[in-house]
Amino acid sequence: MKISLLGVALLCCTYHSFSQINLNKGLTAYYPFNGNANDESGNGNNPSVSKVTYTTDRFGKANAACSFNGSSNYIRIPNSSSFNFKNGFSMSAWVMVKDFYEGTCHGNRIIMKGYSDYLDGNYLLTFDDNHGTNGSNCYTDFPDKKKQSFYAAGAKPLANNFIVTGKWYLLTYTYDGTTAQLYVDCQLQAKGTLRNNDFSNNHDLFFGKMNNPQYPYWFNGLLDEVRFYNRPLNKEEILALCADKLIENKPELVCTDANTVSAKFNFGIDNCTTTTFSLVTSKTKNLQTIQWYFGDGTTSNKMTPVHNYKKYGTYKVKAIVVSKAGCADTVTREIQIRELKTDFNYSEQGDPGNIQFRAKNNNATYTWDMGDGKTYQNVSLVSHVYNESRQYTVRMFAQNSSGCLDTVEKKIDIAMPVLITEIPASTDPVTVTPKPGAAQLEKRDKDIIRSIAVENDSFSISLFDNGIVDGDSITLIYNNEVLFTHQMLSSKPLTLSLKIDPVKDNELIMYAENLGSISPNTALMIINDGNNRYQVNISSNKSSNGAVSFTLKQ
C-alpha cells in the first residue's frame, strides 16, 4: 500500500529530532502493490511477468498487498540499470511469512537478482533455517519451521531472532561499500563485511522465487511496499520507513480463538484416489483466505477442494487459514492413498464337497460367485457345498470404504466320492506285517473321531478323498501296526478288510504325510461289518491324527 511520504516525515519529526528526511532521494524502483505490480517511482520498471494475486495489507485495505502461494506465484522484472549497484544500495519491503519451502536446502527467496546465491553480483532478501540448524539445512529432508531467520546479501543473522508466521515485518537492507546490514522492524538483526562489492549482473529481478528450476526456493506469504535505492539509507531514514507503522498500522494483533478460524479439516476418499477436503470450522464467514497443499506438489485455494491423486502413497496435506482479523492457523494431516489388494484361501470341511472360503483382508466388503450359480453377499467367510465332480471358477469381488475395487479368481477341482453300497465279503482279509525300513512317523496327538461296536469279528473299510482331490497322501495304522504308507486318496475307494481283537479296543489311525494343496487331509470312511453300515468323515493334519475306535459288540 502506498504511504504518504509527507505524513511519514511529519511523524518522524514528532517522535524524533530529525532534520529533513527525503525518502524519494535515490529511489530507483517502488512497488506499493495497489492492485497491480507497477513501479510507481517514475522509472518505469514494470514487470514482464506478474503471476500473483492481491489481498488485504497490514492496515486491512483490500487488494493492497501481493500474495505468493509458495508453489507457482512470482513477479519477474526485466534487468535495468535501476537494479545494478556499484557504490552501495538499499532495499526495503514489508513481509508476512505464511509457511516455509520444503524442498532441498529449504530456501525462501522474497527478492532475488541472479539465479544462484554464490555467484558474483547477485543479491537477495531471504530466510531459511540455516542459522537455526548450524548450517545443516541442506542435509535434512524437512525444514525446522521454528528456527527460521531473515538474512540478505552478505548480512548473516546476529542472534536467534526466529520468524513468527502470520506477522508483518519491515525488512530494510543497506550496503555502504564495506558493511552489509539487515534491519528487521528497524532493529539490526544481520550484519557482515563486504568490501567494494559490485551488485551488478545481467539477470532479471524476481519477487517470490529464485530463477533456478533445481532450487526455486518459492516464497509463501505476503509482500508490500518494496523499495530500491541506489544509496545506503542512514539510521534516521530507516526509522522513517518504520514510522508508517506508527501512523497507519493498527495495534499489534493478538490472535485468540475468537478472531482465528481453525484450519482443522476432514477428508473423504472415493473411487480409491479422489479425495474431498473440508474445514471443520463453522466460522466460515470470518475466513479471509485458505490455501491447501496436497502433498504431491499441487495446491488449491477453494473452500472444499476435490483432489485426484495420480499415484498410491502417503501424503502430508496442509491447510493454512487466515481470518479477516489477520490471524493464521495451519494444520497438517497425513493421508494414505492405498490400492486394495486382497486374496482368499479355502479348505475342506469334512462332508463331501463342503468347502470353506475365507477372505484374507477383512477391511472390505465381499461378494462371492461360487461358480455353480450360487452367490453370497457381504460376508468374508463362506461355507459352500458342491454337489458335482468338476472344475469350478470361484470369484471374490472386494470393495473397501475408499471405493477401491479388487477381484480374485481361482479354479478348484471338486471330486465327489463314488460311493459303494455293498462291499463283497473278503475271503482273504489283510494280514498286517510291518515292512523293514518303514518310514519313521512323527509323534502326534490323537483325535478319536468315533467309536463303533461291530457285530462280527471282521469288517471292511473303504476310503475316499473327501471333496477336493489335491494330492493328499496318508499312512494307515491299525492297532499300532502300519498297514501301508504313501497312499494317495482319490474319488475311487481304497478298500481293505480288518479283524477285530475281541479282548481290547482296536484303533484305526489315519496319519497325514502330505497335506496336498489344501490342509487338512480329509477322507470319507465307509465301514461295513456285514450287518451294519457306518459313514465317518475323518481328518488329519501335522499336529493331530484322526482315529476311529472299534470294539466287538457283546
Foldseek 3Di string as FASTA:
>chain_A
DDDDLVVLQVVLVVVDVDDGDDPLAQWLFKAQQQLAGFTPNPNGQGFPDFQWFAAADLLLDGRGWTFFAQFDGKTWTADDPSQWAQFKKKKKWKWAAAFWDQDALGKAFQKWFDQDLPDAQIKTKTKFQCVVVVNCSRVDRGGDQQQMDIDMNFWAFPDRPHDDHLDIWMWMWIDRQFKIFIDILLHTGTIHTDHRGTNDDRGIMMGQFRPYVNGGNGGGTIMRTMIMGNHGDDSSNSVSVSCVCVVRGDPDDDDDPVLEFEQDWDWAAAQLFKIKIAGPGPVCVQWRWKKKDWQPSDIDTDRIDIDGDPDWAKGKMKMWTATSSSDIYMDIDIDGRDADDKDKDKADDFAFQWMKIAIPDPQWFKKKDFQPRDIDGRDRIDIDGDDDFAKGKIKMWTAHRNGHIDMDIDIFTWQGAPDDDDDDDDPDADDFDADPPDDDDDDAAEDAQEEEAAADQKKKKWKAFGIGQFFWWKWKAKPNTTPDGRHRHHSYIDMGMDGADAPDKIKIKIGTDDCGPHDDGWMWMWMGRPPDIDIGIFIYHPHYIYMHIYHHDD
